[in-house]
Amino acid sequence: MTGNHGVLPQQGLPQRKSIRLKGYDYSRAGLYFITICTQMRLCLFGEIRNGEMILNDAGMMIKTLWHEIPIYYHEFNVHEFVVMPNHVHGIVEIASNPKSVGAGPRACPVNKCQRTNGQPQGVAPTMSLSDIVHRFKTLTTKRYIDGVNNNDWQRFNKKLWQRNFYEHIIRDHESYLKIAEYIQTNPLKWREDKYYE
């Protein structure tokens, strides 16, 4: 496999409209339930057996990189998460967003920065939910391509992930518990899942 990075030929796909909530600030602190699907819903990350998700090497890579998000992006925490054959569900928390310009995340914690007119000085714009999902997609795509080229992982069609992602703002504890249970039990309900292929 040379020159194509393990990518199948491009097929025409319709452009998707934004599904974000208009006017909502997705960089504000809070909990968000997200779903990210593979392009064309290809089952690339393993299979469901007896109601249990059996991850292949690609699925293990996806799971590992999800749990590493807070290591590199300190303003984000990750909660419940599941890798399914062709999508992932997870809860992301934006706790705080201090970023010093040119020095990487958390170089200048907000409560220790000097302030002028109430604003931290030397602080770059905050990362949003879309930013962290984009970085997750980019890094996992690169690792997946490495797996295709070096370990014969299943090839994919031009893009590993669909262009957009689905999100739901978690507004209270009851909603959190319902979503957490949905994520944890998702493999048991695979055949009824709307992403089942």
C-alpha atoms as a PDB file:
ATOM      1  CA  MET A   1       0.000   0.000   0.000  1.00  0.00           C
ATOM      2  CA  THR A   2       1.934   2.963  -1.207  1.00  0.00           C
ATOM      3  CA  GLY A   3       0.920   6.533  -1.764  1.00  0.00           C
ATOM      4  CA  ASN A   4      -2.699   6.183  -0.666  1.00  0.00           C
ATOM      5  CA  HIS A   5      -2.287   5.923   3.115  1.00  0.00           C
ATOM      6  CA  GLY A   6      -4.734   3.021   3.215  1.00  0.00           C
ATOM      7  CA  VAL A   7      -7.571   5.092   1.790  1.00  0.00           C
ATOM      8  CA  LEU A   8     -10.140   3.744  -0.671  1.00  0.00           C
ATOM      9  CA  PRO A   9     -11.122   5.830  -3.734  1.00  0.00           C
ATOM     10  CA  GLN A  10     -13.288   8.879  -3.011  1.00  0.00           C
ATOM     11  CA  GLN A  11     -17.034   8.632  -3.532  1.00  0.00           C
ATOM     12  CA  GLY A  12     -19.347  11.629  -3.812  1.00  0.00           C
ATOM     13  CA  LEU A  13     -21.054  12.353  -0.512  1.00  0.00           C
ATOM     14  CA  PRO A  14     -23.534  15.149   0.223  1.00  0.00           C
ATOM     15  CA  GLN A  15     -22.352  18.061   2.343  1.00  0.00           C
ATOM     16  CA  ARG A  16     -23.850  18.088   5.851  1.00  0.00           C
ATOM     17  CA  LYS A  17     -25.232  21.158   7.550  1.00  0.00           C
ATOM     18  CA  SER A  18     -24.065  22.145  11.012  1.00  0.00           C
ATOM     19  CA  ILE A  19     -26.001  20.433  13.779  1.00  0.00           C
ATOM     20  CA  ARG A  20     -24.723  22.662  16.577  1.00  0.00           C
ATOM     21  CA  LEU A  21     -27.228  24.634  18.654  1.00  0.00           C
ATOM     22  CA  LYS A  22     -27.288  28.101  17.100  1.00  0.00           C
ATOM     23  CA  GLY A  23     -25.917  30.781  19.403  1.00  0.00           C
ATOM     24  CA  TYR A  24     -24.661  28.361  22.076  1.00  0.00           C
ATOM     25  CA  ASP A  25     -21.076  28.840  23.299  1.00  0.00           C
ATOM     26  CA  TYR A  26     -19.521  25.370  23.049  1.00  0.00           C
ATOM     27  CA  SER A  27     -16.398  26.523  24.893  1.00  0.00           C
ATOM     28  CA  ARG A  28     -18.308  27.180  28.123  1.00  0.00           C
ATOM     29  CA  ALA A  29     -17.834  24.855  31.069  1.00  0.00           C
ATOM     30  CA  GLY A  30     -20.211  21.934  31.160  1.00  0.00           C
ATOM     31  CA  LEU A  31     -20.855  18.318  30.245  1.00  0.00           C
ATOM     32  CA  TYR A  32     -21.532  17.195  26.692  1.00  0.00           C
ATOM     33  CA  PHE A  33     -22.646  13.835  25.315  1.00  0.00           C
ATOM     34  CA  ILE A  34     -21.049  13.263  21.912  1.00  0.00           C
ATOM     35  CA  THR A  35     -21.300  10.650  19.189  1.00  0.00           C
ATOM     36  CA  ILE A  36     -18.742  10.384  16.393  1.00  0.00           C
ATOM     37  CA  CYS A  37     -19.382   7.991  13.477  1.00  0.00           C
ATOM     38  CA  THR A  38     -17.002   6.476  10.983  1.00  0.00           C
ATOM     39  CA  GLN A  39     -17.328   7.588   7.387  1.00  0.00           C
ATOM     40  CA  MET A  40     -20.020   5.489   5.667  1.00  0.00           C
ATOM     41  CA  ARG A  41     -20.484   3.748   9.040  1.00  0.00           C
ATOM     42  CA  LEU A  42     -17.747   1.239   8.271  1.00  0.00           C
ATOM     43  CA  CYS A  43     -17.252  -1.226  11.128  1.00  0.00           C
ATOM     44  CA  LEU A  44     -13.535  -0.706  11.776  1.00  0.00           C
ATOM     45  CA  PHE A  45     -13.052  -0.994  15.538  1.00  0.00           C
ATOM     46  CA  GLY A  46     -14.104  -4.541  16.415  1.00  0.00           C
ATOM     47  CA  GLU A  47     -17.323  -6.495  16.782  1.00  0.00           C
ATOM     48  CA  ILE A  48     -20.132  -7.198  19.209  1.00  0.00           C
ATOM     49  CA  ARG A  49     -20.223 -10.742  20.586  1.00  0.00           C
ATOM     50  CA  ASN A  50     -22.885 -11.798  23.078  1.00  0.00           C
ATOM     51  CA  GLY A  51     -23.634  -8.189  23.934  1.00  0.00           C
ATOM     52  CA  GLU A  52     -19.991  -7.301  24.547  1.00  0.00           C
ATOM     53  CA  MET A  53     -17.782  -5.056  22.420  1.00  0.00           C
ATOM     54  CA  ILE A  54     -14.619  -6.919  21.424  1.00  0.00           C
ATOM     55  CA  LEU A  55     -12.113  -4.258  20.398  1.00  0.00           C
ATOM     56  CA  ASN A  56      -9.585  -4.931  17.676  1.00  0.00           C
ATOM     57  CA  ASP A  57      -6.233  -3.087  17.673  1.00  0.00           C
ATOM     58  CA  ALA A  58      -7.834  -0.043  16.036  1.00  0.00           C
ATOM     59  CA  GLY A  59     -10.571   0.021  18.668  1.00  0.00           C
ATOM     60  CA  MET A  60      -7.973  -0.185  21.433  1.00  0.00           C
ATOM     61  CA  MET A  61      -6.142   2.760  19.872  1.00  0.00           C
ATOM     62  CA  ILE A  62      -9.373   4.803  19.793  1.00  0.00           C
ATOM     63  CA  LYS A  63     -10.087   3.991  23.452  1.00  0.00           C
ATOM     64  CA  THR A  64      -6.535   4.844  24.540  1.00  0.00           C
ATOM     65  CA  LEU A  65      -6.487   8.209  22.766  1.00  0.00           C
ATOM     66  CA  TRP A  66      -9.855   9.162  24.240  1.00  0.00           C
ATOM     67  CA  HIS A  67      -8.574   8.589  27.765  1.00  0.00           C
ATOM     68  CA  GLU A  68      -5.416  10.590  26.981  1.00  0.00           C
ATOM     69  CA  ILE A  69      -7.382  13.765  26.136  1.00  0.00           C
ATOM     70  CA  PRO A  70      -7.046  15.254  29.682  1.00  0.00           C
ATOM     71  CA  ILE A  71      -3.304  14.588  29.667  1.00  0.00           C
ATOM     72  CA  TYR A  72      -2.744  16.953  26.751  1.00  0.00           C
ATOM     73  CA  TYR A  73      -5.770  19.227  27.108  1.00  0.00           C
ATOM     74  CA  HIS A  74      -6.084  19.956  30.823  1.00  0.00           C
ATOM     75  CA  GLU A  75      -9.277  21.963  30.478  1.00  0.00           C
ATOM     76  CA  PHE A  76     -11.101  18.815  29.339  1.00  0.00           C
ATOM     77  CA  ASN A  77     -12.130  15.788  31.382  1.00  0.00           C
ATOM     78  CA  VAL A  78     -13.549  12.582  29.942  1.00  0.00           C
ATOM     79  CA  HIS A  79     -16.248  10.476  31.549  1.00  0.00           C
ATOM     80  CA  GLU A  80     -18.178   7.428  30.316  1.00  0.00           C
ATOM     81  CA  PHE A  81     -17.074   6.204  26.904  1.00  0.00           C
ATOM     82  CA  VAL A  82     -17.659   3.264  24.607  1.00  0.00           C
ATOM     83  CA  VAL A  83     -16.118   2.272  21.305  1.00  0.00           C
ATOM     84  CA  MET A  84     -18.666   0.571  19.051  1.00  0.00           C
ATOM     85  CA  PRO A  85     -17.907  -1.114  15.709  1.00  0.00           C
ATOM     86  CA  ASN A  86     -18.556   2.049  13.687  1.00  0.00           C
ATOM     87  CA  HIS A  87     -18.960   4.897  16.180  1.00  0.00           C
ATOM     88  CA  VAL A  88     -18.055   6.125  19.635  1.00  0.00           C
ATOM     89  CA  HIS A  89     -20.182   7.601  22.414  1.00  0.00           C
ATOM     90  CA  GLY A  90     -18.673   9.621  25.215  1.00  0.00           C
ATOM     91  CA  ILE A  91     -19.176  12.350  27.778  1.00  0.00           C
ATOM     92  CA  VAL A  92     -16.744  15.259  27.627  1.00  0.00           C
ATOM     93  CA  GLU A  93     -16.474  17.867  30.346  1.00  0.00           C
ATOM     94  CA  ILE A  94     -15.080  21.333  29.783  1.00  0.00           C
ATOM     95  CA  ALA A  95     -13.831  22.277  33.242  1.00  0.00           C
ATOM     96  CA  SER A  96     -11.861  25.449  32.507  1.00  0.00           C
ATOM     97  CA  ASN A  97      -9.991  26.864  29.562  1.00  0.00           C
ATOM     98  CA  PRO A  98      -6.754  28.650  30.479  1.00  0.00           C
ATOM     99  CA  LYS A  99      -4.272  28.694  27.604  1.00  0.00           C
ATOM    100  CA  SER A 100      -1.221  30.940  27.447  1.00  0.00           C
ATOM    101  CA  VAL A 101      -0.361  32.147  23.953  1.00  0.00           C
ATOM    102  CA  GLY A 102       2.453  30.102  22.448  1.00  0.00           C
ATOM    103  CA  ALA A 103       3.067  28.080  25.587  1.00  0.00           C
ATOM    104  CA  GLY A 104       0.508  25.278  25.328  1.00  0.00           C
ATOM    105  CA  PRO A 105      -2.450  24.407  27.541  1.00  0.00           C
ATOM    106  CA  ARG A 106      -2.452  25.468  31.162  1.00  0.00           C
ATOM    107  CA  ALA A 107       0.776  27.445  31.024  1.00  0.00           C
ATOM    108  CA  CYS A 108      -0.971  30.298  32.815  1.00  0.00           C
ATOM    109  CA  PRO A 109      -3.781  29.118  35.108  1.00  0.00           C
ATOM    110  CA  VAL A 110      -6.596  31.655  35.117  1.00  0.00           C
ATOM    111  CA  ASN A 111      -6.474  32.226  38.880  1.00  0.00           C
ATOM    112  CA  LYS A 112      -2.731  33.048  38.727  1.00  0.00           C
ATOM    113  CA  CYS A 113      -2.651  35.289  35.660  1.00  0.00           C
ATOM    114  CA  GLN A 114      -2.425  39.014  36.097  1.00  0.00           C
ATOM    115  CA  ARG A 115      -5.688  40.670  35.129  1.00  0.00           C
ATOM    116  CA  THR A 116      -6.545  43.960  33.497  1.00  0.00           C
ATOM    117  CA  ASN A 117     -10.181  45.075  33.394  1.00  0.00           C
ATOM    118  CA  GLY A 118     -11.166  41.677  34.766  1.00  0.00           C
ATOM    119  CA  GLN A 119      -9.609  39.729  31.870  1.00  0.00           C
ATOM    120  CA  PRO A 120      -6.598  37.372  32.205  1.00  0.00           C
ATOM    121  CA  GLN A 121      -3.641  38.747  30.273  1.00  0.00           C
ATOM    122  CA  GLY A 122      -1.737  36.617  27.757  1.00  0.00           C
ATOM    123  CA  VAL A 123      -4.605  34.135  27.470  1.00  0.00           C
ATOM    124  CA  ALA A 124      -5.593  32.826  24.048  1.00  0.00           C
ATOM    125  CA  PRO A 125      -9.177  32.141  22.992  1.00  0.00           C
ATOM    126  CA  THR A 126     -10.623  29.062  24.652  1.00  0.00           C
ATOM    127  CA  MET A 127     -10.925  25.690  23.001  1.00  0.00           C
ATOM    128  CA  SER A 128     -14.437  24.597  22.172  1.00  0.00           C
ATOM    129  CA  LEU A 129     -16.075  21.195  22.036  1.00  0.00           C
ATOM    130  CA  SER A 130     -15.612  21.220  18.253  1.00  0.00           C
ATOM    131  CA  ASP A 131     -11.892  21.929  18.701  1.00  0.00           C
ATOM    132  CA  ILE A 132     -11.316  18.899  20.918  1.00  0.00           C
ATOM    133  CA  VAL A 133     -13.401  16.616  18.688  1.00  0.00           C
ATOM    134  CA  HIS A 134     -11.429  17.835  15.665  1.00  0.00           C
ATOM    135  CA  ARG A 135      -8.124  17.103  17.410  1.00  0.00           C
ATOM    136  CA  PHE A 136      -9.357  13.661  18.495  1.00  0.00           C
ATOM    137  CA  LYS A 137     -10.416  12.880  14.918  1.00  0.00           C
ATOM    138  CA  THR A 138      -7.137  14.130  13.474  1.00  0.00           C
ATOM    139  CA  LEU A 139      -4.927  12.166  15.850  1.00  0.00           C
ATOM    140  CA  THR A 140      -6.953   8.953  15.597  1.00  0.00           C
ATOM    141  CA  THR A 141      -6.983   9.229  11.796  1.00  0.00           C
ATOM    142  CA  LYS A 142      -3.197   9.549  11.713  1.00  0.00           C
ATOM    143  CA  ARG A 143      -2.777   6.560  14.036  1.00  0.00           C
ATOM    144  CA  TYR A 144      -5.287   4.557  12.022  1.00  0.00           C
ATOM    145  CA  ILE A 145      -3.440   5.268   8.762  1.00  0.00           C
ATOM    146  CA  ASP A 146      -0.220   4.106  10.456  1.00  0.00           C
ATOM    147  CA  GLY A 147      -2.056   0.910  11.400  1.00  0.00           C
ATOM    148  CA  VAL A 148      -3.240   0.375   7.825  1.00  0.00           C
ATOM    149  CA  ASN A 149       0.259   0.883   6.446  1.00  0.00           C
ATOM    150  CA  ASN A 150       2.165  -1.071   9.101  1.00  0.00           C
ATOM    151  CA  ASN A 151      -0.276  -3.603  10.555  1.00  0.00           C
ATOM    152  CA  ASP A 152      -2.742  -4.312   7.739  1.00  0.00           C
ATOM    153  CA  TRP A 153      -5.741  -2.674   9.454  1.00  0.00           C
ATOM    154  CA  GLN A 154      -8.919  -2.466   7.392  1.00  0.00           C
ATOM    155  CA  ARG A 155      -8.832   0.324   4.834  1.00  0.00           C
ATOM    156  CA  PHE A 156     -11.345   3.176   4.862  1.00  0.00           C
ATOM    157  CA  ASN A 157     -12.952   5.505   2.360  1.00  0.00           C
ATOM    158  CA  LYS A 158     -10.942   8.769   2.174  1.00  0.00           C
ATOM    159  CA  LYS A 159     -11.901   9.913   5.696  1.00  0.00           C
ATOM    160  CA  LEU A 160     -11.965   7.821   8.845  1.00  0.00           C
ATOM    161  CA  TRP A 161     -14.734   9.881  10.468  1.00  0.00           C
ATOM    162  CA  GLN A 162     -17.861  11.610   9.227  1.00  0.00           C
ATOM    163  CA  ARG A 163     -17.322  15.351   8.886  1.00  0.00           C
ATOM    164  CA  ASN A 164     -19.632  16.316  11.734  1.00  0.00           C
ATOM    165  CA  PHE A 165     -20.505  14.874  15.123  1.00  0.00           C
ATOM    166  CA  TYR A 166     -23.602  14.713  17.284  1.00  0.00           C
ATOM    167  CA  GLU A 167     -23.811  16.400  20.670  1.00  0.00           C
ATOM    168  CA  HIS A 168     -26.226  16.872  23.510  1.00  0.00           C
ATOM    169  CA  ILE A 169     -25.735  19.384  26.320  1.00  0.00           C
ATOM    170  CA  ILE A 170     -26.131  17.608  29.675  1.00  0.00           C
ATOM    171  CA  ARG A 171     -28.061  19.995  31.886  1.00  0.00           C
ATOM    172  CA  ASP A 172     -28.618  18.056  35.126  1.00  0.00           C
ATOM    173  CA  HIS A 173     -27.596  15.029  37.161  1.00  0.00           C
ATOM    174  CA  GLU A 174     -30.598  12.944  36.120  1.00  0.00           C
ATOM    175  CA  SER A 175     -29.778  13.466  32.453  1.00  0.00           C
ATOM    176  CA  TYR A 176     -26.157  12.557  33.136  1.00  0.00           C
ATOM    177  CA  LEU A 177     -27.159   9.256  34.765  1.00  0.00           C
ATOM    178  CA  LYS A 178     -29.455   8.301  31.871  1.00  0.00           C
ATOM    179  CA  ILE A 179     -26.804   9.057  29.282  1.00  0.00           C
ATOM    180  CA  ALA A 180     -24.090   7.252  31.256  1.00  0.00           C
ATOM    181  CA  GLU A 181     -26.316   4.166  31.422  1.00  0.00           C
ATOM    182  CA  TYR A 182     -27.028   4.413  27.689  1.00  0.00           C
ATOM    183  CA  ILE A 183     -23.294   4.471  26.958  1.00  0.00           C
ATOM    184  CA  GLN A 184     -22.503   1.583  29.295  1.00  0.00           C
ATOM    185  CA  THR A 185     -25.261  -0.645  27.898  1.00  0.00           C
ATOM    186  CA  ASN A 186     -24.849   0.317  24.237  1.00  0.00           C
ATOM    187  CA  PRO A 187     -23.164  -2.972  23.185  1.00  0.00           C
ATOM    188  CA  LEU A 188     -26.124  -4.956  24.594  1.00  0.00           C
ATOM    189  CA  LYS A 189     -28.476  -3.081  22.252  1.00  0.00           C
ATOM    190  CA  TRP A 190     -26.323  -3.134  19.115  1.00  0.00           C
ATOM    191  CA  ARG A 191     -28.920  -4.725  16.825  1.00  0.00           C
ATOM    192  CA  GLU A 192     -31.452  -2.049  17.769  1.00  0.00           C
ATOM    193  CA  ASP A 193     -28.879   0.746  17.422  1.00  0.00           C
ATOM    194  CA  LYS A 194     -29.553   3.261  14.648  1.00  0.00           C
ATOM    195  CA  TYR A 195     -25.875   2.960  13.687  1.00  0.00           C
ATOM    196  CA  TYR A 196     -26.110  -0.828  13.267  1.00  0.00           C
ATOM    197  CA  GLU A 197     -24.842  -1.946   9.862  1.00  0.00           C
END
